[in-house]
């Protein structure tokens, strides 16, 4: 997708839709023979918290030097993402879980947790935004460089745009500039050719 002047290379991918992410992950799985996917919202939050119980893995206060967001006090806060890994990782070694770009989860948007699966799997059919095997309004997690600092916390989530593909988003450049995705891998699946 077009970078809109924010750079490529070691910066997170932006201007991607849920469908774009799913197509990339299907391609990656086909190329590698491994079950790559988007993390569920529950998996994403578990990874973002990294065993902590505070609003952010580093504590309850936003502070400085941990996330890229509007009002976070870092050089990148005005209008662009930071190179991936520029800030310290969380206790599990994961970089940029909060801030920089908001990340797509495998879940369709649910306003409440009333019908969310308790096993950590993604919300799909229970969402009113699931139609004909497709998520029309995905869930975003983690805040972004252009979002206010109160969104930079492990529990923050929002419902994404219904614009499904990069082509649809290209006509609306204001949509998706702070949205990217993180690749998840199902570990209990055997690699290609492995004995079970």
Foldseek 3Di string as FASTA:
>chain_A
DDLVPQDDDQAFDWLFFPQRQQVVQVVVCVVFVFNKDFFALLVLLCLQCVPHDEQGVVHPDLAEQQAAAQPRPDPQLPDYADGWPPGAAHPVRHTHSAEAAWAWGPAADDPDCPPPDPVRDHHEPVDPQHDPNDRQWTKTAHYYSYHDPVRRGSPHIDTAHSQGGSVSCVVVVVGTSRYHHDMDTDPVDDGPPDDD
